[in-house]
């Protein structure tokens, strides 16, 4: 959905309401996903077949 390299470093792990939570392997990859958040949401909705994802929140692995 987002390309091999980005998919290797980031993974969707949960939905909270209309927010897709994505876990990134580093802050650099988190920044990349945040930059592409609109595209990620659009493609996720295409895969899901409905307007489910309204926002994307990115967390860095190991952070709380």
Foldseek 3Di string as FASTA:
>chain_A
DPDDVLCVFKDFDDDDFQETEMEGQDVVSQVVCQVCFVVVQVVVCVVVVHNRHDTYDYDYPPDD
